[in-house]
Amino acid sequence: MTCFFKGTCDPCHRLKNINIESCNLHLSKCNYVHLGQSIVDRNNHDYGVQILSRPLYIRDKFEPVSFYSTLLPTKHNALLVEIIDKIYVYQQHNNTKAIYYFINVERFSLLDSRVVDSLCELSKFVDKFNSKVVVELTERHVELNQYIVEAEFKLRDAGVYLAFDNFTYQSELLPSELICDFVKMDISYIKSMINKVWFIDWLYHMEEHGIKMIAERIETQQDYQLALSLPVNYLQGFYRI
């Protein structure tokens, strides 16, 4: 595995090139390999990247769902700090490249004001390079929705975009009720629903409300062509034409 940040996160390297006070870096050590999964528009132009993290001490038998679903809040927040830390440096070393950074965030992390403040500071920093931060809320802990409304508004005020991961029709949220910029749907879920007329109507309904659709886990040409046949704005995965 090759880390998306490609070694630019080395502490000594950072100290020489970054104004610590202005960036408020935590200088966290590397505990993860951070993979970058491409997000492209319908014309196959680069749009963004999702940061996918893999623990250094787990190799071949890594199971993302079971690992992150059992991660303690403090551990998950530390992971967020590490990602935020490295994006500062990556963006500065790629200052001609505008990019949307999609970062997985558990809802309980938005109950921590330090995490919210760090995401807001990062957003203001990358905005100088015409880049954007997208907080991608996972499908877990939806019972906390009522408690994170204030944090969501604070993030949006700082220019942070919001996305819902693993979104489905069964999420029981109408487009008019969604306070988000993106929803992401797994291509396998789309395949399971493609023959239902009401599902296609629902996709167009989402588009009419200005919500951007991202089809994720695009791994084959067939996946790619299927996504393009639908009102999908962006495609995410390791497949590139």
Protein backbone atom coordinates (compact mmCIF):
# COMPACT_ATOMS: atom_id res chain seq x y z
CA MET A 1 0.00 0.00 0.00
CA THR A 2 1.21 3.49 -0.89
CA CYS A 3 0.11 6.29 1.40
CA PHE A 4 -1.77 9.11 -0.34
CA PHE A 5 0.39 11.64 1.49
CA LYS A 6 3.59 9.98 0.22
CA GLY A 7 5.83 10.80 3.16
CA THR A 8 5.07 14.52 3.36
CA CYS A 9 3.75 13.88 6.87
CA ASP A 10 7.23 13.33 8.34
CA PRO A 11 7.43 15.56 11.48
CA CYS A 12 10.85 17.02 10.70
CA HIS A 13 9.79 17.74 7.14
CA ARG A 14 6.70 19.52 8.41
CA LEU A 15 8.54 21.67 10.90
CA LYS A 16 10.70 23.08 8.14
CA ASN A 17 7.86 23.93 5.78
CA ILE A 18 4.79 24.78 7.82
CA ASN A 19 3.98 27.68 10.11
CA ILE A 20 2.90 25.69 13.17
CA GLU A 21 1.10 28.58 14.83
CA SER A 22 -1.02 29.41 11.79
CA CYS A 23 -1.95 25.79 11.12
CA ASN A 24 -2.30 24.62 14.73
CA LEU A 25 -0.82 21.23 13.84
CA HIS A 26 -0.85 18.48 16.43
CA LEU A 27 2.19 16.76 14.89
CA SER A 28 0.64 13.35 15.36
CA LYS A 29 2.79 10.37 14.52
CA CYS A 30 1.80 8.03 11.70
CA ASN A 31 -0.45 5.26 12.97
CA TYR A 32 -2.19 4.61 9.65
CA VAL A 33 -1.60 4.28 5.95
CA HIS A 34 -3.98 6.74 4.28
CA LEU A 35 -5.13 5.60 0.85
CA GLY A 36 -6.62 8.07 -1.59
CA GLN A 37 -9.61 6.86 -3.59
CA SER A 38 -10.40 9.02 -6.61
CA ILE A 39 -13.69 10.84 -7.09
CA VAL A 40 -14.27 11.97 -10.68
CA ASP A 41 -17.01 13.83 -12.50
CA ARG A 42 -19.01 12.41 -15.41
CA ASN A 43 -16.28 13.48 -17.83
CA ASN A 44 -13.67 11.54 -15.82
CA HIS A 45 -12.04 14.73 -14.56
CA ASP A 46 -10.57 14.67 -11.06
CA TYR A 47 -12.93 16.18 -8.52
CA GLY A 48 -11.94 14.91 -5.11
CA VAL A 49 -10.42 12.17 -3.02
CA GLN A 50 -11.67 10.15 -0.09
CA ILE A 51 -9.06 9.43 2.55
CA LEU A 52 -9.28 5.74 3.42
CA SER A 53 -7.23 4.79 6.47
CA ARG A 54 -5.63 1.44 7.24
CA PRO A 55 -3.82 0.70 10.53
CA LEU A 56 -0.10 0.12 10.17
CA TYR A 57 -0.24 -2.97 12.36
CA ILE A 58 -2.98 -4.74 10.34
CA ARG A 59 -2.09 -5.93 6.86
CA ASP A 60 -3.73 -8.65 4.77
CA LYS A 61 -6.71 -9.46 6.99
CA PHE A 62 -7.95 -5.91 7.52
CA GLU A 63 -11.76 -5.59 7.70
CA PRO A 64 -12.68 -1.88 7.63
CA VAL A 65 -16.27 -2.21 8.84
CA SER A 66 -15.54 -4.35 11.90
CA PHE A 67 -12.45 -2.31 12.78
CA TYR A 68 -13.99 1.16 12.64
CA SER A 69 -17.36 0.17 14.10
CA THR A 70 -15.57 -0.90 17.29
CA LEU A 71 -13.10 2.01 17.41
CA LEU A 72 -13.39 4.00 20.64
CA PRO A 73 -14.39 7.67 20.25
CA THR A 74 -10.98 8.82 21.49
CA LYS A 75 -9.23 6.60 18.94
CA HIS A 76 -11.44 7.78 16.11
CA ASN A 77 -10.83 11.41 17.05
CA ALA A 78 -7.10 10.76 17.11
CA LEU A 79 -7.41 9.33 13.60
CA LEU A 80 -9.19 12.51 12.49
CA VAL A 81 -6.41 14.62 13.98
CA GLU A 82 -3.83 12.60 12.05
CA ILE A 83 -5.71 13.08 8.77
CA ILE A 84 -6.26 16.81 9.36
CA ASP A 85 -2.59 17.20 10.23
CA LYS A 86 -1.46 15.58 7.00
CA ILE A 87 -3.92 17.42 4.74
CA TYR A 88 -2.41 20.73 5.87
CA VAL A 89 0.98 19.66 4.65
CA TYR A 90 -0.21 17.86 1.51
CA GLN A 91 -2.18 20.89 0.38
CA GLN A 92 0.71 23.25 0.92
CA HIS A 93 3.02 21.01 -1.13
CA ASN A 94 0.39 20.76 -3.87
CA ASN A 95 -0.68 24.38 -3.80
CA THR A 96 -1.67 24.50 -7.47
CA LYS A 97 -4.13 21.65 -7.10
CA ALA A 98 -7.70 22.31 -5.96
CA ILE A 99 -9.32 19.22 -4.48
CA TYR A 100 -12.32 18.16 -2.41
CA TYR A 101 -11.12 16.16 0.61
CA PHE A 102 -13.75 13.66 1.77
CA ILE A 103 -13.13 12.64 5.39
CA ASN A 104 -15.15 9.94 7.18
CA VAL A 105 -16.43 11.27 10.49
CA GLU A 106 -18.49 9.48 13.11
CA ARG A 107 -21.36 11.49 14.55
CA PHE A 108 -20.00 11.23 18.08
CA SER A 109 -16.89 13.11 16.94
CA LEU A 110 -19.03 16.16 16.20
CA LEU A 111 -19.91 16.26 19.89
CA ASP A 112 -16.26 17.16 20.56
CA SER A 113 -15.77 20.90 20.02
CA ARG A 114 -12.03 20.40 19.46
CA VAL A 115 -12.69 18.15 16.48
CA VAL A 116 -15.26 20.55 15.04
CA ASP A 117 -12.91 23.52 15.51
CA SER A 118 -10.05 21.62 13.85
CA LEU A 119 -12.21 20.79 10.83
CA CYS A 120 -13.30 24.43 10.58
CA GLU A 121 -9.69 25.63 10.73
CA LEU A 122 -8.68 23.12 8.07
CA SER A 123 -11.51 24.28 5.82
CA LYS A 124 -10.40 27.90 6.06
CA PHE A 125 -6.81 26.88 5.31
CA VAL A 126 -7.48 24.77 2.20
CA ASP A 127 -9.95 27.35 0.91
CA LYS A 128 -6.93 29.56 0.18
CA PHE A 129 -6.01 26.97 -2.46
CA ASN A 130 -9.61 26.68 -3.75
CA SER A 131 -9.87 23.28 -2.11
CA LYS A 132 -12.74 22.13 0.10
CA VAL A 133 -13.26 19.87 3.10
CA VAL A 134 -16.19 17.44 3.00
CA VAL A 135 -17.25 15.83 6.27
CA GLU A 136 -18.66 12.47 5.30
CA LEU A 137 -20.94 11.24 8.07
CA THR A 138 -20.96 7.47 8.35
CA GLU A 139 -24.16 5.43 8.51
CA ARG A 140 -23.52 4.64 12.17
CA HIS A 141 -24.95 6.30 15.31
CA VAL A 142 -27.87 8.02 13.56
CA GLU A 143 -29.50 8.36 16.98
CA LEU A 144 -27.10 11.26 17.60
CA ASN A 145 -28.51 13.37 14.74
CA GLN A 146 -30.49 15.62 17.06
CA TYR A 147 -27.37 16.43 19.09
CA ILE A 148 -25.04 17.44 16.25
CA VAL A 149 -27.20 20.09 14.56
CA GLU A 150 -25.21 22.94 16.11
CA ALA A 151 -21.93 21.39 14.98
CA GLU A 152 -23.27 20.93 11.45
CA PHE A 153 -24.20 24.61 11.19
CA LYS A 154 -20.81 25.62 12.57
CA LEU A 155 -19.06 23.49 9.95
CA ARG A 156 -21.16 24.91 7.14
CA ASP A 157 -20.44 28.45 8.32
CA ALA A 158 -16.74 27.62 7.98
CA GLY A 159 -17.19 26.42 4.41
CA VAL A 160 -17.24 22.69 5.18
CA TYR A 161 -19.45 20.55 2.94
CA LEU A 162 -21.50 17.68 4.36
CA ALA A 163 -22.07 14.22 2.87
CA PHE A 164 -23.97 11.12 3.98
CA ASP A 165 -22.15 7.83 3.43
CA ASN A 166 -23.89 4.58 2.44
CA PHE A 167 -27.15 6.44 1.82
CA THR A 168 -30.18 4.40 0.77
CA TYR A 169 -33.83 4.94 0.02
CA GLN A 170 -34.52 3.15 3.29
CA SER A 171 -32.76 5.97 5.13
CA GLU A 172 -36.30 7.42 5.32
CA LEU A 173 -35.18 10.99 4.73
CA LEU A 174 -36.88 13.04 2.05
CA PRO A 175 -34.70 15.24 -0.16
CA SER A 176 -36.32 18.33 1.34
CA GLU A 177 -35.26 17.15 4.81
CA LEU A 178 -31.59 16.62 3.97
CA ILE A 179 -29.14 19.20 5.24
CA CYS A 180 -26.23 18.02 3.14
CA ASP A 181 -24.44 18.64 -0.14
CA PHE A 182 -23.71 15.06 -1.18
CA VAL A 183 -25.12 11.59 -0.68
CA LYS A 184 -23.06 8.51 -1.50
CA MET A 185 -24.52 5.19 -2.60
CA ASP A 186 -22.71 1.91 -3.07
CA ILE A 187 -22.89 0.65 -6.65
CA SER A 188 -23.94 -2.78 -5.33
CA TYR A 189 -26.98 -1.17 -3.69
CA ILE A 190 -27.78 0.66 -6.93
CA LYS A 191 -27.61 -2.64 -8.83
CA SER A 192 -30.06 -4.23 -6.40
CA MET A 193 -32.55 -1.40 -6.91
CA ILE A 194 -32.09 -0.61 -10.61
CA ASN A 195 -35.24 -2.44 -11.76
CA LYS A 196 -37.52 -0.52 -9.42
CA VAL A 197 -39.10 2.42 -11.26
CA TRP A 198 -39.75 4.36 -8.07
CA PHE A 199 -36.03 4.17 -7.22
CA ILE A 200 -35.08 5.94 -10.48
CA ASP A 201 -37.75 8.56 -9.80
CA TRP A 202 -36.28 9.06 -6.34
CA LEU A 203 -32.81 9.64 -7.80
CA TYR A 204 -34.15 12.38 -10.06
CA HIS A 205 -36.05 13.83 -7.12
CA MET A 206 -32.76 14.13 -5.22
CA GLU A 207 -31.18 15.85 -8.21
CA GLU A 208 -34.04 18.36 -8.39
CA HIS A 209 -33.28 19.37 -4.80
CA GLY A 210 -29.66 20.14 -5.66
CA ILE A 211 -28.19 17.19 -3.79
CA LYS A 212 -25.12 15.79 -5.54
CA MET A 213 -25.06 12.04 -5.97
CA ILE A 214 -21.86 10.00 -5.73
CA ALA A 215 -21.76 6.35 -6.79
CA GLU A 216 -18.98 4.62 -4.86
CA ARG A 217 -17.04 1.37 -5.21
CA ILE A 218 -16.79 1.73 -8.99
CA GLU A 219 -14.43 -1.13 -9.80
CA THR A 220 -15.32 -2.26 -13.33
CA GLN A 221 -16.31 -0.80 -16.69
CA GLN A 222 -19.80 -2.19 -16.16
CA ASP A 223 -20.07 -0.30 -12.85
CA TYR A 224 -18.87 2.85 -14.57
CA GLN A 225 -21.35 2.62 -17.44
CA LEU A 226 -24.25 1.87 -15.09
CA ALA A 227 -23.48 4.94 -12.99
CA LEU A 228 -23.33 7.13 -16.10
CA SER A 229 -26.77 5.90 -17.16
CA LEU A 230 -28.27 7.41 -13.99
CA PRO A 231 -28.49 10.96 -12.56
CA VAL A 232 -25.17 10.51 -10.77
CA ASN A 233 -22.86 13.52 -10.53
CA TYR A 234 -19.63 11.84 -9.41
CA LEU A 235 -18.06 8.40 -9.35
CA GLN A 236 -15.71 7.01 -6.72
CA GLY A 237 -13.51 3.94 -6.87
CA PHE A 238 -10.25 2.51 -8.10
CA TYR A 239 -11.54 2.04 -11.68
CA ARG A 240 -10.40 4.71 -14.16
CA ILE A 241 -11.00 4.75 -17.90
